[in-house]
Amino acid sequence: AVGVEKGLEVDKGSFPLHEGDILLLATDGLMNMVSDQEIEKQLFCASEASPEGGSPAKELVRQALAAGGFDNVTVIVVVYG
């Protein structure tokens, strides 16, 4: 569900993507529980992806749940290119 109102106003736009850009799609269950600095740190790890490394999305979900997880937590991390 998106909001509780009958009408919905959607923000939309476009922007160019470049190789190595990182997209984060997440619910407020992440944004309300994990600091911007920690999210940035995990996204930096996504750009340095290696077979030995963990999943930044899984780590962010883990951190949100460990912080209390008061809301649903959904995280998708995409590295373009």
Protein backbone atom coordinates (compact mmCIF):
# COMPACT_ATOMS: atom_id res chain seq x y z
CA ALA A 1 0.00 0.00 0.00
CA VAL A 2 1.14 3.52 -0.70
CA GLY A 3 -0.39 5.97 1.75
CA VAL A 4 -3.89 5.86 3.17
CA GLU A 5 -5.52 8.65 1.18
CA LYS A 6 -7.92 7.98 -1.69
CA GLY A 7 -5.84 10.02 -4.13
CA LEU A 8 -2.16 9.52 -4.81
CA GLU A 9 0.28 12.09 -6.18
CA VAL A 10 3.37 10.42 -7.60
CA ASP A 11 6.72 12.17 -7.89
CA LYS A 12 8.45 11.19 -11.07
CA GLY A 13 11.43 12.23 -13.07
CA SER A 14 14.39 10.90 -14.95
CA PHE A 15 18.13 11.13 -14.76
CA PRO A 16 21.03 9.56 -16.63
CA LEU A 17 22.75 6.53 -15.14
CA HIS A 18 26.47 5.95 -15.49
CA GLU A 19 28.45 2.77 -15.02
CA GLY A 20 29.07 2.22 -11.32
CA ASP A 21 26.08 4.27 -10.12
CA ILE A 22 24.30 2.69 -7.17
CA LEU A 23 20.53 2.76 -6.72
CA LEU A 24 18.90 2.15 -3.35
CA LEU A 25 15.21 1.30 -3.22
CA ALA A 26 14.03 0.96 0.36
CA THR A 27 11.01 1.30 2.59
CA ASP A 28 10.88 3.66 5.53
CA GLY A 29 11.55 0.64 7.74
CA LEU A 30 15.18 1.08 6.73
CA MET A 31 15.34 4.85 6.60
CA ASN A 32 13.86 5.25 10.09
CA MET A 33 16.17 2.70 11.72
CA VAL A 34 19.61 3.03 10.09
CA SER A 35 21.65 6.24 9.87
CA ASP A 36 22.45 7.87 6.54
CA GLN A 37 26.14 7.37 7.31
CA GLU A 38 25.73 3.61 7.79
CA ILE A 39 23.63 3.34 4.62
CA GLU A 40 26.33 5.22 2.72
CA LYS A 41 28.99 2.87 4.13
CA GLN A 42 27.06 -0.20 2.98
CA LEU A 43 26.43 1.28 -0.47
CA PHE A 44 30.15 1.97 -0.81
CA CYS A 45 30.67 -1.74 -0.11
CA ALA A 46 28.27 -2.51 -2.98
CA SER A 47 30.56 -0.64 -5.36
CA GLU A 48 33.46 -2.76 -4.13
CA ALA A 49 31.53 -6.03 -4.59
CA SER A 50 33.57 -9.18 -4.38
CA PRO A 51 32.73 -12.89 -4.07
CA GLU A 52 33.90 -12.81 -0.43
CA GLY A 53 31.78 -9.79 0.43
CA GLY A 54 28.28 -9.97 1.86
CA SER A 55 25.18 -8.44 0.41
CA PRO A 56 24.76 -4.75 1.29
CA ALA A 57 20.97 -5.14 1.08
CA LYS A 58 20.97 -8.07 3.53
CA GLU A 59 23.29 -6.20 5.88
CA LEU A 60 21.06 -3.11 5.85
CA VAL A 61 17.98 -5.24 6.60
CA ARG A 62 19.89 -6.95 9.42
CA GLN A 63 20.86 -3.58 10.91
CA ALA A 64 17.31 -2.22 10.69
CA LEU A 65 15.90 -5.30 12.43
CA ALA A 66 18.63 -5.21 15.08
CA ALA A 67 17.73 -1.57 15.78
CA GLY A 68 14.16 -2.57 16.58
CA GLY A 69 12.57 -3.13 13.17
CA PHE A 70 9.31 -1.34 14.04
CA ASP A 71 8.12 -1.33 10.42
CA ASN A 72 8.53 -3.61 7.43
CA VAL A 73 12.04 -3.45 5.97
CA THR A 74 12.60 -3.91 2.26
CA VAL A 75 15.91 -3.07 0.59
CA ILE A 76 17.09 -3.42 -3.00
CA VAL A 77 20.59 -2.33 -4.02
CA VAL A 78 21.41 -2.11 -7.73
CA VAL A 79 24.87 -1.37 -9.12
CA TYR A 80 24.44 -0.11 -12.67
CA GLY A 81 26.77 -1.26 -15.38
